């Protein structure tokens, strides 16, 4: 095998420059100098002490106010605890026992690692010092806890707006293949859900799964009668009970933390947990996923895009809330450069089609695909783009997308005041934001973007029995670097009191995926400036008109 690398001339959209520390700013220096002056004057010192004496009652008043507020919220907290405990039922006690077992297991691993490291001359590593709260051991604990916590780990890995980079990076491992459920259990679920013999519905089911995720398993099959090739997505046994028990526990923990510490309330901890719970429970309801697929297919038909893209047809007569039977699409992921080149004459045009279809769905469809990683975005044998797996979708308001368009456009034109205005429009805040200062801070983030380039490694291998040469390409890029610009933008925005809706994070995640595809399939293309890519927001009315 021969391996070579080359540098792409296209600059990555997302970059992590080093920001100057705010403590070293001129304004901070002036503030410190003025503060020192207060202590150099006896009269000012007396004034400071007098101010401190008068400020103490104010602090006591604030404490009394917080205590009164907590007492007022206590009945609601107790009501939530009782109702959530009732809805959880006996399964809560079982999950608690399993949780203790997982905690003891990972705790044993941590103690063994600490014991080994004590003999090292460098001492105990910082990660071990954090105990089970370190990214590594917390990820291991989540994996032992099972499906809910694996999904929660995937949420952490996909939400760089909410979690530190080291946790986002470590929890990427939660996307690895999950253990498969025995085929006998899958057959049992099919018989129960379909209410009739399996062989009366399917001519054949491959007992070896195509894929096994944390909550579902996928098998290839052929329908009886029509002989259509299909895939069957089956919810793993007992997963609903596990999810309900775990999510209820996480919700109660968030409620109690928010009650004990008002800082968590300002961070919208309970709102974040509610959002996680809602999105996870939607994923285990295949009726909702089927509805998402049908909505996307209607969008393609209404906009005349069925020759460019597709989503699998749903077979409703053999689908339920726990079983989803879909048309089987044949193709390859958007990252398989070698095979794509044999299917279509221009991989770049395929990427442009995928971008236009996805951008169009943001407002012209009831929901947009919010998980376009390579496993869910294919180039099919007939050259069309295939969108798969609609378990995670997003919904965006026209106001948010209008601001998002301005934000993306300002990145391309380097107009930082427009960028600041767009982010202010998009984010929720209860204070006035200094747009010019915000723009200057954003400019610092983007300042060194021109210094980076992208390395693409191309590997070639000649077949043993043929003279054919296979070519594959891989993008060499640090995952943290891909999310770094996004993190910095969010960080500086939060310093101005801005909080963004979940849909903003979902959109940015998909743009990161498309940025990777662009590096591979069209390294010289600028997505934000290319005239072949249509990023418009005035499509919803056209879509509705076409449906009439």
Protein backbone atom coordinates (compact mmCIF):
# COMPACT_ATOMS: atom_id res chain seq x y z
CA UNK A 1 0.00 0.00 0.00
CA UNK A 2 1.23 3.43 -0.90
CA UNK A 3 0.29 6.45 1.17
CA UNK A 4 0.75 10.06 0.18
CA UNK A 5 -0.61 13.35 1.42
CA UNK A 6 -1.28 16.74 0.00
CA UNK A 7 -2.46 20.04 1.34
CA UNK A 8 -5.78 21.35 0.23
CA UNK A 9 -5.89 24.96 -0.82
CA UNK A 10 -9.33 25.32 0.71
CA UNK A 11 -9.29 26.83 4.14
CA UNK A 12 -11.44 25.12 6.77
CA UNK A 13 -14.52 27.00 7.83
CA UNK A 14 -14.02 26.18 11.48
CA UNK A 15 -10.76 26.99 13.26
CA UNK A 16 -9.51 27.39 16.80
CA UNK A 17 -7.23 30.41 17.16
CA UNK A 18 -5.73 31.29 20.49
CA UNK A 19 -7.71 34.05 22.11
CA UNK A 20 -5.90 36.61 24.26
CA UNK A 21 -6.75 36.39 27.92
CA UNK A 22 -9.32 38.94 29.00
CA UNK A 23 -7.37 39.52 32.20
CA UNK A 24 -4.58 41.07 30.15
CA UNK A 25 -6.78 43.60 28.41
CA UNK A 26 -6.08 47.35 28.83
CA UNK A 27 -9.47 47.85 30.47
CA UNK A 28 -8.62 45.20 33.09
CA UNK A 29 -5.30 46.91 33.81
CA UNK A 30 -7.03 50.27 34.32
CA UNK A 31 -9.57 48.66 36.64
CA UNK A 32 -6.81 47.10 38.77
CA UNK A 33 -4.93 50.40 38.91
CA UNK A 34 -8.06 52.24 40.07
CA UNK A 35 -8.75 49.56 42.64
CA UNK A 36 -5.23 49.89 44.03
CA UNK A 37 -5.77 53.64 44.30
CA UNK A 38 -8.68 53.06 46.64
CA UNK A 39 -6.41 51.36 49.14
CA UNK A 40 -3.71 54.03 48.95
CA UNK A 41 -5.97 56.69 50.40
CA UNK A 42 -7.10 56.56 54.04
CA UNK A 43 -10.27 58.52 53.28
CA UNK A 44 -11.13 56.21 50.43
CA UNK A 45 -10.39 53.24 52.68
CA UNK A 46 -12.87 54.56 55.27
CA UNK A 47 -15.41 55.07 52.50
CA UNK A 48 -14.83 51.51 51.32
CA UNK A 49 -15.36 50.15 54.85
CA UNK A 50 -18.48 52.28 55.27
CA UNK A 51 -19.81 50.93 51.97
CA UNK A 52 -19.05 47.36 53.11
CA UNK A 53 -20.99 47.91 56.36
CA UNK A 54 -24.03 49.16 54.48
CA UNK A 55 -23.77 46.37 51.89
CA UNK A 56 -24.08 43.58 54.48
CA UNK A 57 -27.83 44.00 55.07
CA UNK A 58 -28.26 43.96 51.31
CA UNK A 59 -26.51 40.58 51.12
CA UNK A 60 -28.67 39.30 53.97
CA UNK A 61 -31.74 40.53 52.14
CA UNK A 62 -30.68 38.67 49.02
CA UNK A 63 -30.16 35.50 51.08
CA UNK A 64 -33.59 35.90 52.68
CA UNK A 65 -35.12 36.47 49.27
CA UNK A 66 -33.49 33.30 47.90
CA UNK A 67 -34.64 31.30 50.95
CA UNK A 68 -38.20 32.56 50.55
CA UNK A 69 -38.12 31.72 46.84
CA UNK A 70 -36.84 28.21 47.63
CA UNK A 71 -39.59 27.64 50.17
CA UNK A 72 -42.17 28.78 47.63
CA UNK A 73 -40.78 26.34 45.05
CA UNK A 74 -40.53 23.41 47.47
CA UNK A 75 -44.16 22.17 47.03
CA UNK A 76 -43.71 22.08 43.25
CA UNK A 77 -40.42 20.15 43.63
CA UNK A 78 -42.07 17.60 45.96
CA UNK A 79 -44.98 17.25 43.53
CA UNK A 80 -42.54 16.60 40.66
CA UNK A 81 -40.69 14.00 42.74
CA UNK A 82 -43.90 12.14 43.61
CA UNK A 83 -45.33 12.21 40.07
CA UNK A 84 -42.04 11.18 38.47
CA UNK A 85 -41.57 8.36 40.99
CA UNK A 86 -45.08 7.06 40.29
CA UNK A 87 -44.52 7.13 36.51
CA UNK A 88 -41.20 5.30 36.97
CA UNK A 89 -42.63 2.50 39.10
CA UNK A 90 -40.71 -0.66 40.16
CA UNK A 91 -38.31 -0.37 37.21
CA UNK A 92 -36.70 2.55 39.04
CA UNK A 93 -35.47 0.28 41.85
CA UNK A 94 -34.04 -2.18 39.32
CA UNK A 95 -32.17 0.57 37.46
CA UNK A 96 -30.85 1.92 40.77
CA UNK A 97 -29.39 -1.49 41.58
CA UNK A 98 -27.84 -1.72 38.10
CA UNK A 99 -26.45 1.79 38.52
CA UNK A 100 -24.80 0.89 41.81
CA UNK A 101 -23.29 -2.19 40.19
CA UNK A 102 -21.91 -0.09 37.30
CA UNK A 103 -20.56 2.52 39.73
CA UNK A 104 -18.76 -0.14 41.77
CA UNK A 105 -17.31 -1.73 38.61
CA UNK A 106 -15.89 1.50 37.16
CA UNK A 107 -14.81 2.62 40.62
CA UNK A 108 -12.79 -0.59 40.90
CA UNK A 109 -11.09 0.17 37.57
CA UNK A 110 -10.24 3.67 38.78
CA UNK A 111 -8.77 2.40 42.09
CA UNK A 112 -6.65 -0.15 40.22
CA UNK A 113 -5.33 2.56 37.88
CA UNK A 114 -4.58 4.87 40.83
CA UNK A 115 -2.73 2.05 42.58
CA UNK A 116 -0.54 1.46 39.53
CA UNK A 117 0.18 5.16 39.02
CA UNK A 118 1.35 5.72 42.59
CA UNK A 119 4.54 3.88 41.71
CA UNK A 120 5.19 6.18 38.75
CA UNK A 121 7.77 8.98 39.25
CA UNK A 122 5.42 11.53 37.64
CA UNK A 123 2.72 10.88 40.23
CA UNK A 124 -1.02 10.50 39.69
CA UNK A 125 -2.20 11.93 36.32
CA UNK A 126 -4.73 14.78 36.47
CA UNK A 127 -7.39 12.60 34.81
CA UNK A 128 -7.14 10.07 37.66
CA UNK A 129 -7.35 12.87 40.20
CA UNK A 130 -10.80 13.77 38.90
CA UNK A 131 -12.02 10.28 39.75
CA UNK A 132 -15.22 9.07 38.09
CA UNK A 133 -15.95 12.63 36.95
CA UNK A 134 -13.03 12.54 34.52
CA UNK A 135 -14.01 12.19 30.84
CA UNK A 136 -12.55 8.65 30.56
CA UNK A 137 -14.18 7.08 33.61
CA UNK A 138 -17.44 8.94 33.18
CA UNK A 139 -17.65 7.57 29.63
CA UNK A 140 -16.93 4.05 30.93
CA UNK A 141 -19.64 4.48 33.58
CA UNK A 142 -22.15 5.60 30.95
CA UNK A 143 -21.33 2.58 28.77
CA UNK A 144 -21.88 0.21 31.71
CA UNK A 145 -25.18 1.90 32.52
CA UNK A 146 -26.48 1.00 29.08
CA UNK A 147 -28.62 2.51 26.33
CA UNK A 148 -29.87 5.71 27.96
CA UNK A 149 -26.47 6.82 29.12
CA UNK A 150 -24.84 5.82 25.84
CA UNK A 151 -27.37 8.07 24.10
CA UNK A 152 -26.62 10.76 26.67
CA UNK A 153 -22.93 10.32 25.87
CA UNK A 154 -23.72 10.76 22.18
CA UNK A 155 -25.63 13.94 23.07
CA UNK A 156 -22.56 15.24 24.95
CA UNK A 157 -20.36 14.38 21.96
CA UNK A 158 -22.72 16.30 19.68
CA UNK A 159 -23.24 19.38 21.88
CA UNK A 160 -20.02 21.41 22.06
CA UNK A 161 -22.13 24.43 23.07
CA UNK A 162 -22.92 22.81 26.39
CA UNK A 163 -19.93 20.68 27.41
CA UNK A 164 -16.12 21.11 27.71
CA UNK A 165 -14.03 20.00 24.70
CA UNK A 166 -12.33 17.12 26.55
CA UNK A 167 -15.74 15.58 27.31
CA UNK A 168 -16.98 16.16 23.76
CA UNK A 169 -13.90 14.36 22.43
CA UNK A 170 -14.01 11.41 24.84
CA UNK A 171 -17.72 10.76 24.32
CA UNK A 172 -17.18 10.43 20.57
CA UNK A 173 -16.40 6.81 21.47
CA UNK A 174 -20.06 6.30 22.39
CA UNK A 175 -20.80 6.21 18.65
CA UNK A 176 -19.03 2.86 18.34
CA UNK A 177 -21.05 -0.23 17.42
CA UNK A 178 -23.20 -1.58 20.30
CA UNK A 179 -23.48 -5.32 21.12
CA UNK A 180 -26.08 -7.12 18.98
CA UNK A 181 -29.23 -8.65 20.44
CA UNK A 182 -29.67 -12.40 19.66
CA UNK A 183 -31.80 -12.99 16.57
CA UNK A 184 -34.25 -15.10 18.62
CA UNK A 185 -35.13 -11.99 20.66
CA UNK A 186 -35.61 -9.99 17.46
CA UNK A 187 -37.96 -12.69 16.10
CA UNK A 188 -39.95 -12.63 19.34
CA UNK A 189 -40.44 -8.86 19.10
CA UNK A 190 -41.49 -9.13 15.43
CA UNK A 191 -44.11 -11.79 16.22
CA UNK A 192 -45.45 -9.73 19.11
CA UNK A 193 -45.57 -6.44 17.20
CA UNK A 194 -46.91 -7.73 13.88
CA UNK A 195 -49.51 -10.00 15.48
CA UNK A 196 -49.05 -12.72 12.86
CA UNK A 197 -46.43 -15.27 11.77
CA UNK A 198 -43.20 -13.72 10.55
CA UNK A 199 -43.14 -15.84 7.39
CA UNK A 200 -46.53 -14.43 6.37
CA UNK A 201 -44.93 -10.96 6.10
CA UNK A 202 -41.29 -11.55 5.16
CA UNK A 203 -39.95 -14.02 2.65
CA UNK A 204 -36.55 -13.89 4.30
CA UNK A 205 -34.75 -12.11 7.16
CA UNK A 206 -30.97 -12.11 7.46
CA UNK A 207 -30.19 -13.19 11.05
CA UNK A 208 -26.92 -11.20 11.00
CA UNK A 209 -27.72 -7.54 11.67
CA UNK A 210 -26.58 -4.80 9.28
CA UNK A 211 -26.17 -2.46 12.24
CA UNK A 212 -26.63 -2.52 16.01
CA UNK A 213 -26.99 0.77 17.85
CA UNK A 214 -27.74 1.55 21.50
CA UNK A 215 -31.52 1.45 21.12
CA UNK A 216 -32.25 -0.45 17.88
CA UNK A 217 -30.99 -3.15 15.56
CA UNK A 218 -31.31 -3.33 11.75
CA UNK A 219 -31.74 -6.49 9.67
CA UNK A 220 -31.95 -6.96 5.91
CA UNK A 221 -35.08 -8.75 4.65
CA UNK A 222 -37.31 -9.43 1.65
CA UNK A 223 -41.07 -8.89 1.69
CA UNK A 224 -43.42 -11.75 0.89
CA UNK A 225 -45.43 -11.23 -2.27
CA UNK A 226 -43.82 -8.08 -3.70
CA UNK A 227 -40.30 -9.47 -3.14
CA UNK A 228 -39.12 -5.94 -2.30
CA UNK A 229 -35.76 -5.67 -0.56
CA UNK A 230 -36.26 -3.98 2.79
CA UNK A 231 -34.54 -3.28 6.08
CA UNK A 232 -36.23 -3.87 9.43
CA UNK A 233 -35.35 -1.56 12.29
CA UNK A 234 -36.30 -3.23 15.59
CA UNK A 235 -36.29 -1.58 19.00
CA UNK A 236 -34.17 -3.60 21.42
CA UNK A 237 -36.13 -5.44 24.15
CA UNK A 238 -36.89 -3.51 27.35
CA UNK A 239 -35.33 -0.30 26.06
CA UNK A 240 -38.43 1.85 26.69
CA UNK A 241 -38.57 0.93 30.39
CA UNK A 242 -34.86 1.61 30.78
CA UNK A 243 -35.16 5.00 29.05
CA UNK A 244 -38.16 6.12 31.11
CA UNK A 245 -36.55 5.11 34.41
CA UNK A 246 -33.18 6.66 33.60
CA UNK A 247 -34.53 9.89 32.13
CA UNK A 248 -36.89 10.37 35.06
CA UNK A 249 -33.97 9.94 37.45
CA UNK A 250 -31.83 12.43 35.51
CA UNK A 251 -34.74 14.89 35.47
CA UNK A 252 -35.24 14.62 39.24
CA UNK A 253 -31.51 15.07 39.84
CA UNK A 254 -31.57 18.24 37.71
CA UNK A 255 -34.65 19.56 39.56
CA UNK A 256 -33.02 18.98 42.96
CA UNK A 257 -29.72 20.56 41.86
CA UNK A 258 -31.58 23.56 40.49
CA UNK A 259 -33.51 23.86 43.77
CA UNK A 260 -30.36 23.69 45.89
CA UNK A 261 -28.28 26.00 43.69
CA UNK A 262 -29.99 28.84 41.76
CA UNK A 263 -26.92 29.06 39.49
CA UNK A 264 -28.12 25.90 37.75
CA UNK A 265 -31.44 27.62 37.12
CA UNK A 266 -29.70 30.44 35.30
CA UNK A 267 -27.84 27.82 33.25
CA UNK A 268 -31.21 26.29 32.25
CA UNK A 269 -30.15 22.85 33.53
CA UNK A 270 -33.71 21.52 33.79
CA UNK A 271 -34.56 22.86 30.33
CA UNK A 272 -31.53 21.06 28.88
CA UNK A 273 -32.53 17.79 30.58
CA UNK A 274 -36.13 18.17 29.35
CA UNK A 275 -34.81 18.65 25.84
CA UNK A 276 -32.63 15.54 26.10
CA UNK A 277 -35.54 13.51 27.47
CA UNK A 278 -37.90 14.65 24.74
CA UNK A 279 -35.44 13.95 21.92
CA UNK A 280 -34.52 10.50 23.28
CA UNK A 281 -38.13 9.41 23.73
CA UNK A 282 -38.87 10.54 20.18
CA UNK A 283 -36.11 8.23 18.92
CA UNK A 284 -37.77 5.15 20.41
CA UNK A 285 -41.14 5.95 18.82
CA UNK A 286 -40.90 4.60 15.28
CA UNK A 287 -44.30 6.08 14.42
CA UNK A 288 -42.64 9.50 14.75
CA UNK A 289 -39.64 8.44 12.68
CA UNK A 290 -41.97 7.11 9.96
CA UNK A 291 -43.77 10.45 10.01
CA UNK A 292 -40.44 12.28 9.65
CA UNK A 293 -39.51 10.15 6.63
CA UNK A 294 -42.86 10.65 4.92
CA UNK A 295 -42.63 14.40 5.53
CA UNK A 296 -39.21 14.52 3.87
CA UNK A 297 -40.44 12.45 0.91
CA UNK A 298 -43.39 14.84 0.46
CA UNK A 299 -40.96 17.76 0.49
CA UNK A 300 -38.88 16.12 -2.28
CA UNK A 301 -41.99 15.51 -4.39
CA UNK A 302 -43.40 19.01 -3.86
CA UNK A 303 -40.11 20.67 -4.80
CA UNK A 304 -39.48 18.40 -7.81
CA UNK A 305 -36.35 16.86 -6.28
CA UNK A 306 -37.16 13.15 -6.54
CA UNK A 307 -34.65 12.67 -9.38
CA UNK A 308 -31.90 14.24 -7.30
CA UNK A 309 -32.52 12.73 -3.86
CA UNK A 310 -34.67 10.26 -1.97
CA UNK A 311 -35.47 8.80 1.43
CA UNK A 312 -36.56 5.18 2.00
CA UNK A 313 -40.22 4.34 1.52
CA UNK A 314 -41.96 3.17 4.72
CA UNK A 315 -44.07 -0.02 4.57
CA UNK A 316 -46.81 0.86 7.03
CA UNK A 317 -48.53 -2.54 6.95
CA UNK A 318 -45.50 -4.09 8.68
CA UNK A 319 -44.40 -1.14 10.84
CA UNK A 320 -45.36 -0.32 14.42
CA UNK A 321 -44.05 1.85 17.23
CA UNK A 322 -41.24 -0.68 17.82
CA UNK A 323 -40.73 -2.06 14.30
CA UNK A 324 -39.97 0.03 11.22
CA UNK A 325 -39.87 -1.67 7.80
CA UNK A 326 -38.32 0.48 5.08
CA UNK A 327 -37.20 0.24 1.49
CA UNK A 328 -33.58 -0.86 1.26
CA UNK A 329 -31.39 1.68 -0.51
CA UNK A 330 -28.12 0.58 -2.09
CA UNK A 331 -25.20 2.97 -2.14
CA UNK A 332 -22.09 4.17 -0.34
CA UNK A 333 -21.40 6.88 2.26
CA UNK A 334 -20.49 10.34 1.01
CA UNK A 335 -16.93 9.75 2.25
CA UNK A 336 -16.26 6.74 -0.02
CA UNK A 337 -14.44 8.72 -2.71
CA UNK A 338 -13.31 5.72 -4.77
CA UNK A 339 -16.77 4.13 -5.15
CA UNK A 340 -18.54 7.47 -5.62
CA UNK A 341 -16.27 8.21 -8.58
CA UNK A 342 -17.44 4.96 -10.20
CA UNK A 343 -21.11 5.83 -9.63
CA UNK A 344 -21.17 9.47 -10.77
CA UNK A 345 -19.07 11.56 -13.13
CA UNK A 346 -18.70 14.43 -10.67
CA UNK A 347 -18.54 13.82 -6.89
CA UNK A 348 -18.57 17.60 -6.48
CA UNK A 349 -21.99 17.81 -8.15
CA UNK A 350 -23.27 15.11 -5.82
CA UNK A 351 -22.13 17.17 -2.85
CA UNK A 352 -23.82 20.29 -4.28
CA UNK A 353 -27.06 18.32 -4.69
CA UNK A 354 -26.88 17.09 -1.11
CA UNK A 355 -26.27 20.62 0.16
CA UNK A 356 -29.12 22.15 -1.85
CA UNK A 357 -31.60 19.45 -0.83
CA UNK A 358 -30.66 19.78 2.84
CA UNK A 359 -30.63 23.59 2.86
CA UNK A 360 -34.00 23.57 1.12
CA UNK A 361 -35.50 21.32 3.79
CA UNK A 362 -34.66 23.78 6.58
CA UNK A 363 -37.82 25.77 5.95
CA UNK A 364 -39.61 24.01 3.10
CA UNK A 365 -40.04 20.81 5.13
CA UNK A 366 -41.76 20.27 8.47
CA UNK A 367 -38.41 19.14 9.91
CA UNK A 368 -34.81 18.84 8.72
CA UNK A 369 -32.46 15.86 8.99
CA UNK A 370 -30.32 16.59 12.06
CA UNK A 371 -27.80 13.76 11.85
CA UNK A 372 -26.17 13.80 8.39
CA UNK A 373 -23.04 11.86 9.30
CA UNK A 374 -21.55 9.62 6.60
CA UNK A 375 -23.63 6.60 7.63
CA UNK A 376 -26.85 8.52 6.98
CA UNK A 377 -25.94 10.36 3.76
CA UNK A 378 -25.22 8.17 0.73
CA UNK A 379 -24.63 8.35 -2.99
CA UNK A 380 -26.93 5.65 -4.41
CA UNK A 381 -26.25 3.34 -7.33
CA UNK A 382 -28.50 5.44 -9.57
CA UNK A 383 -26.56 8.61 -8.67
CA UNK A 384 -29.17 10.12 -6.36
CA UNK A 385 -28.46 11.27 -2.82
CA UNK A 386 -30.01 9.02 -0.19
CA UNK A 387 -31.01 10.43 3.21
CA UNK A 388 -31.28 7.66 5.82
CA UNK A 389 -32.29 7.38 9.49
CA UNK A 390 -34.68 10.15 10.54
CA UNK A 391 -34.60 9.36 14.25
CA UNK A 392 -33.05 12.77 14.98
CA UNK A 393 -34.66 15.77 13.29
CA UNK A 394 -34.78 19.48 13.99
CA UNK A 395 -37.30 22.23 13.46
CA UNK A 396 -36.24 25.79 12.82
CA UNK A 397 -38.18 29.02 12.95
CA UNK A 398 -37.97 31.48 10.05
CA UNK A 399 -36.53 34.08 12.44
CA UNK A 400 -33.67 31.83 13.53
CA UNK A 401 -32.84 30.75 9.98
CA UNK A 402 -32.92 34.35 8.70
CA UNK A 403 -30.34 35.25 11.38
CA UNK A 404 -28.38 32.09 10.56
CA UNK A 405 -28.18 33.08 6.89
CA UNK A 406 -26.73 36.47 7.81
CA UNK A 407 -24.26 34.76 10.17
CA UNK A 408 -23.05 32.38 7.43
CA UNK A 409 -22.86 35.15 4.86
CA UNK A 410 -20.85 37.35 7.20
CA UNK A 411 -18.32 34.53 7.68
CA UNK A 412 -17.75 34.48 3.92
CA UNK A 413 -17.45 38.27 3.64
CA UNK A 414 -15.68 38.81 6.98
CA UNK A 415 -18.24 41.41 8.05
CA UNK A 416 -18.02 41.00 11.80
CA UNK A 417 -20.57 43.65 12.75
CA UNK A 418 -23.18 41.81 10.65
CA UNK A 419 -22.08 38.57 12.28
CA UNK A 420 -22.51 40.09 15.74
CA UNK A 421 -25.95 41.48 14.85
CA UNK A 422 -27.08 38.07 13.55
CA UNK A 423 -25.96 36.28 16.70
CA UNK A 424 -27.63 38.91 18.89
CA UNK A 425 -30.86 38.44 16.90
CA UNK A 426 -30.61 34.65 17.26
CA UNK A 427 -29.70 34.46 20.95
CA UNK A 428 -31.97 35.00 23.91
CA UNK A 429 -30.80 37.71 26.30
CA UNK A 430 -32.24 40.01 28.92
CA UNK A 431 -29.57 42.68 28.63
CA UNK A 432 -28.30 45.18 26.10
CA UNK A 433 -25.35 43.89 24.09
CA UNK A 434 -22.51 46.13 22.91
CA UNK A 435 -22.59 45.04 19.25
CA UNK A 436 -19.34 46.80 18.30
CA UNK A 437 -17.36 45.25 21.15
CA UNK A 438 -18.93 41.88 20.35
CA UNK A 439 -17.88 42.27 16.70
CA UNK A 440 -14.30 43.05 17.72
CA UNK A 441 -14.15 39.89 19.84
CA UNK A 442 -15.55 37.81 16.98
CA UNK A 443 -12.91 39.26 14.66
CA UNK A 444 -10.20 38.06 17.06
CA UNK A 445 -11.61 34.54 16.82
CA UNK A 446 -11.45 34.50 13.02
CA UNK A 447 -8.19 36.45 12.78
CA UNK A 448 -5.79 33.56 12.18
CA UNK A 449 -8.10 31.36 10.05
CA UNK A 450 -5.87 31.92 7.00
CA UNK A 451 -2.99 30.17 8.75
CA UNK A 452 -4.62 26.74 8.60
CA UNK A 453 -4.99 24.27 5.76
CA UNK A 454 -6.38 20.78 5.43
CA UNK A 455 -4.37 17.63 4.94
CA UNK A 456 -5.92 14.84 2.91
CA UNK A 457 -4.18 11.44 2.95
CA UNK A 458 -4.69 9.29 -0.13
CA UNK A 459 -3.96 5.55 0.10
CA UNK A 460 -3.72 3.20 -2.88
CA UNK A 461 -3.79 -0.59 -2.83
CA UNK A 462 -3.52 -3.06 -5.73
CA UNK A 463 -5.75 -6.13 -5.61
CA UNK A 464 -4.11 -9.55 -5.22
CA UNK A 465 -6.03 -11.24 -8.07
CA UNK A 466 -6.53 -8.27 -10.36
CA UNK A 467 -4.61 -5.31 -11.66
CA UNK A 468 -7.25 -2.92 -10.34
CA UNK A 469 -6.08 -0.23 -7.94
CA UNK A 470 -8.36 0.96 -5.15
CA UNK A 471 -8.06 4.55 -4.03
CA UNK A 472 -9.39 5.85 -0.73
CA UNK A 473 -9.01 9.21 0.93
CA UNK A 474 -9.18 10.29 4.51
CA UNK A 475 -9.22 13.76 6.05
CA UNK A 476 -6.58 14.27 8.72
CA UNK A 477 -8.16 16.69 11.15
CA UNK A 478 -8.44 16.88 14.91
CA UNK A 479 -12.05 16.53 16.04
CA UNK A 480 -11.48 19.28 18.58
CA UNK A 481 -10.26 21.57 15.81
CA UNK A 482 -13.46 20.96 13.87
CA UNK A 483 -15.57 22.11 16.82
CA UNK A 484 -13.19 24.76 18.10
CA UNK A 485 -14.47 27.75 16.16
CA UNK A 486 -18.03 26.88 17.10
CA UNK A 487 -16.99 26.63 20.76
CA UNK A 488 -15.22 29.98 20.66
CA UNK A 489 -18.17 31.71 19.01
CA UNK A 490 -20.53 30.32 21.63
CA UNK A 491 -18.13 31.15 24.46
CA UNK A 492 -17.69 34.78 23.49
CA UNK A 493 -21.44 35.07 22.82
CA UNK A 494 -22.25 33.77 26.30
CA UNK A 495 -19.87 36.33 27.78
CA UNK A 496 -22.26 38.94 26.39
CA UNK A 497 -25.27 37.21 27.96
CA UNK A 498 -26.48 35.42 24.81
CA UNK A 499 -28.03 31.94 24.96
CA UNK A 500 -28.76 30.12 21.71
CA UNK A 501 -31.66 27.77 20.97
CA UNK A 502 -30.99 24.05 20.49
CA UNK A 503 -31.73 24.39 16.77
CA UNK A 504 -28.63 26.58 16.40
CA UNK A 505 -26.43 23.79 17.79
CA UNK A 506 -28.13 21.23 15.53
CA UNK A 507 -27.55 23.40 12.46
CA UNK A 508 -23.91 24.02 13.29
CA UNK A 509 -23.34 20.29 13.81
CA UNK A 510 -24.68 19.51 10.33
CA UNK A 511 -22.58 22.29 8.80
CA UNK A 512 -19.51 20.69 10.39
CA UNK A 513 -20.41 17.40 8.68
CA UNK A 514 -20.85 19.13 5.32
CA UNK A 515 -17.56 20.97 5.83
CA UNK A 516 -15.81 17.59 6.10
CA UNK A 517 -17.48 16.31 2.92
CA UNK A 518 -16.44 19.47 1.09
CA UNK A 519 -12.80 19.00 2.13
CA UNK A 520 -12.87 15.54 0.59
CA UNK A 521 -15.10 15.87 -2.50
CA UNK A 522 -14.59 19.51 -3.50
CA UNK A 523 -11.58 20.97 -1.66
CA UNK A 524 -11.51 24.14 -3.79
CA UNK A 525 -15.19 24.97 -3.31
CA UNK A 526 -16.37 27.68 -0.92
CA UNK A 527 -19.83 26.57 0.21
CA UNK A 528 -20.86 30.01 1.43
CA UNK A 529 -19.93 31.81 -1.81
CA UNK A 530 -20.54 29.20 -4.53
CA UNK A 531 -23.42 30.36 -6.77
CA UNK A 532 -24.47 26.76 -7.43
CA UNK A 533 -25.52 26.36 -3.80
CA UNK A 534 -28.83 27.95 -2.93
CA UNK A 535 -29.16 29.14 0.64
CA UNK A 536 -32.53 30.90 0.75
CA UNK A 537 -35.22 31.24 3.40
CA UNK A 538 -38.29 32.04 1.28
CA UNK A 539 -39.36 28.50 0.51
CA UNK A 540 -42.05 27.55 3.00
CA UNK A 541 -44.86 29.31 1.10
CA UNK A 542 -43.79 27.72 -2.20
CA UNK A 543 -43.79 24.30 -0.57
CA UNK A 544 -47.29 24.77 0.81
CA UNK A 545 -48.56 26.04 -2.54
CA UNK A 546 -47.20 22.94 -4.29
CA UNK A 547 -48.97 20.68 -1.80
CA UNK A 548 -52.38 22.21 -2.58
